[in-house]
Amino acid sequence: MVTVLYKQRHGYDVRIYPDDHDPPHVHVWKGGRQVKIDLETMEVISMSNNFNSREIRQIVDLLREHESLLFEVWERLQDS
C-alpha cells in the first residue's frame, strides 16, 4: 500500500495498493473508516464504517483536485 495523500484537507489519507484490480480506484481512510472510490466515475465502490454524504462529497472534491496525480500513481503501481 502506498499513501499518496497523507492527512489532507479534513484529515483524509488516500492510498493505492500495488497490483490491485480494475477499475482504477483509491482507498480513503479516516479514523479507522475506509471508503473505496472509483477514479473514473468518482463513485463509491465499497465502504466500511460509513461515511456520511457530506464526507463523501469532501472526499470526491479532494480526489478531483488530485485526479491526475492519482491516475499517474495508479498506473505506475499496477505496472510494477
C-alpha atoms as a PDB file:
ATOM      1  CA  MET A   1       0.000   0.000   0.000  1.00  0.00           C
ATOM      2  CA  VAL A   2       1.202   3.481  -0.861  1.00  0.00           C
ATOM      3  CA  THR A   3      -0.199   6.542   0.873  1.00  0.00           C
ATOM      4  CA  VAL A   4      -0.441   9.089  -1.931  1.00  0.00           C
ATOM      5  CA  LEU A   5      -2.075  11.882   0.053  1.00  0.00           C
ATOM      6  CA  TYR A   6      -1.490  11.998   3.819  1.00  0.00           C
ATOM      7  CA  LYS A   7      -3.749  13.849   6.251  1.00  0.00           C
ATOM      8  CA  GLN A   8      -5.132  16.081   3.542  1.00  0.00           C
ATOM      9  CA  ARG A   9      -7.955  18.534   3.976  1.00  0.00           C
ATOM     10  CA  HIS A  10     -10.348  17.203   6.647  1.00  0.00           C
ATOM     11  CA  GLY A  11      -7.751  14.561   7.667  1.00  0.00           C
ATOM     12  CA  TYR A  12      -8.199  12.026   4.853  1.00  0.00           C
ATOM     13  CA  ASP A  13      -5.452   9.603   3.814  1.00  0.00           C
ATOM     14  CA  VAL A  14      -5.623   8.410   0.197  1.00  0.00           C
ATOM     15  CA  ARG A  15      -3.964   5.066  -0.529  1.00  0.00           C
ATOM     16  CA  ILE A  16      -3.372   2.897  -3.581  1.00  0.00           C
ATOM     17  CA  TYR A  17      -2.388  -0.759  -3.434  1.00  0.00           C
ATOM     18  CA  PRO A  18       0.210  -2.165  -5.878  1.00  0.00           C
ATOM     19  CA  ASP A  19      -1.085  -4.782  -8.327  1.00  0.00           C
ATOM     20  CA  ASP A  20      -4.693  -4.033  -7.370  1.00  0.00           C
ATOM     21  CA  HIS A  21      -7.676  -4.949  -9.544  1.00  0.00           C
ATOM     22  CA  ASP A  22      -9.528  -2.751 -12.035  1.00  0.00           C
ATOM     23  CA  PRO A  23     -11.219  -0.335 -12.166  1.00  0.00           C
ATOM     24  CA  PRO A  24      -8.641   2.263 -11.096  1.00  0.00           C
ATOM     25  CA  HIS A  25      -9.582   3.215  -7.559  1.00  0.00           C
ATOM     26  CA  VAL A  26      -8.307   4.578  -4.261  1.00  0.00           C
ATOM     27  CA  HIS A  27      -8.875   3.662  -0.641  1.00  0.00           C
ATOM     28  CA  VAL A  28      -9.602   6.685   1.535  1.00  0.00           C
ATOM     29  CA  TRP A  29      -9.105   6.335   5.283  1.00  0.00           C
ATOM     30  CA  LYS A  30     -10.009   8.475   8.251  1.00  0.00           C
ATOM     31  CA  GLY A  31     -10.336   7.435  11.884  1.00  0.00           C
ATOM     32  CA  GLY A  32     -10.453   3.703  11.166  1.00  0.00           C
ATOM     33  CA  ARG A  33     -13.089   4.113   8.460  1.00  0.00           C
ATOM     34  CA  GLN A  34     -12.473   3.314   4.803  1.00  0.00           C
ATOM     35  CA  VAL A  35     -14.210   4.030   1.529  1.00  0.00           C
ATOM     36  CA  LYS A  36     -13.116   2.747  -1.877  1.00  0.00           C
ATOM     37  CA  ILE A  37     -13.756   5.211  -4.741  1.00  0.00           C
ATOM     38  CA  ASP A  38     -13.629   4.514  -8.491  1.00  0.00           C
ATOM     39  CA  LEU A  39     -11.289   7.125 -10.029  1.00  0.00           C
ATOM     40  CA  GLU A  40     -13.059   7.092 -13.406  1.00  0.00           C
ATOM     41  CA  THR A  41     -16.611   7.666 -12.136  1.00  0.00           C
ATOM     42  CA  MET A  42     -15.853   9.062  -8.658  1.00  0.00           C
ATOM     43  CA  GLU A  43     -18.492   6.687  -7.272  1.00  0.00           C
ATOM     44  CA  VAL A  44     -18.307   4.655  -4.080  1.00  0.00           C
ATOM     45  CA  ILE A  45     -17.345   1.030  -4.752  1.00  0.00           C
ATOM     46  CA  SER A  46     -17.478  -0.094  -1.122  1.00  0.00           C
ATOM     47  CA  MET A  47     -17.372   1.360   2.361  1.00  0.00           C
ATOM     48  CA  SER A  48     -16.734   0.190   5.923  1.00  0.00           C
ATOM     49  CA  ASN A  49     -17.950   2.092   8.962  1.00  0.00           C
ATOM     50  CA  ASN A  50     -19.998   4.509   6.878  1.00  0.00           C
ATOM     51  CA  PHE A  51     -19.012   7.993   5.880  1.00  0.00           C
ATOM     52  CA  ASN A  52     -21.938  10.390   5.645  1.00  0.00           C
ATOM     53  CA  SER A  53     -22.916  12.129   2.392  1.00  0.00           C
ATOM     54  CA  ARG A  54     -21.096  15.355   3.358  1.00  0.00           C
ATOM     55  CA  GLU A  55     -17.884  13.416   3.936  1.00  0.00           C
ATOM     56  CA  ILE A  56     -18.256  11.590   0.614  1.00  0.00           C
ATOM     57  CA  ARG A  57     -18.592  14.972  -1.144  1.00  0.00           C
ATOM     58  CA  GLN A  58     -15.444  16.206   0.641  1.00  0.00           C
ATOM     59  CA  ILE A  59     -13.576  13.079  -0.417  1.00  0.00           C
ATOM     60  CA  VAL A  60     -14.694  13.312  -4.044  1.00  0.00           C
ATOM     61  CA  ASP A  61     -13.704  17.008  -4.141  1.00  0.00           C
ATOM     62  CA  LEU A  62     -10.257  16.078  -2.782  1.00  0.00           C
ATOM     63  CA  LEU A  63      -9.850  13.291  -5.351  1.00  0.00           C
ATOM     64  CA  ARG A  64     -10.889  15.534  -8.234  1.00  0.00           C
ATOM     65  CA  GLU A  65      -8.354  18.124  -7.106  1.00  0.00           C
ATOM     66  CA  HIS A  66      -5.572  15.499  -7.319  1.00  0.00           C
ATOM     67  CA  GLU A  67      -7.039  13.345 -10.102  1.00  0.00           C
ATOM     68  CA  SER A  68      -4.075  13.434 -12.491  1.00  0.00           C
ATOM     69  CA  LEU A  69      -1.610  12.542  -9.716  1.00  0.00           C
ATOM     70  CA  LEU A  70      -3.817   9.673  -8.543  1.00  0.00           C
ATOM     71  CA  PHE A  71      -4.121   8.197 -12.044  1.00  0.00           C
ATOM     72  CA  GLU A  72      -0.362   8.547 -12.527  1.00  0.00           C
ATOM     73  CA  VAL A  73       0.388   6.712  -9.281  1.00  0.00           C
ATOM     74  CA  TRP A  74      -2.248   4.053 -10.073  1.00  0.00           C
ATOM     75  CA  GLU A  75      -0.620   3.328 -13.452  1.00  0.00           C
ATOM     76  CA  ARG A  76       2.878   3.231 -12.004  1.00  0.00           C
ATOM     77  CA  LEU A  77       1.902   0.830  -9.210  1.00  0.00           C
ATOM     78  CA  GLN A  78      -0.025  -1.511 -11.497  1.00  0.00           C
ATOM     79  CA  ASP A  79       2.868  -1.777 -13.951  1.00  0.00           C
ATOM     80  CA  SER A  80       5.349  -2.709 -11.224  1.00  0.00           C
END
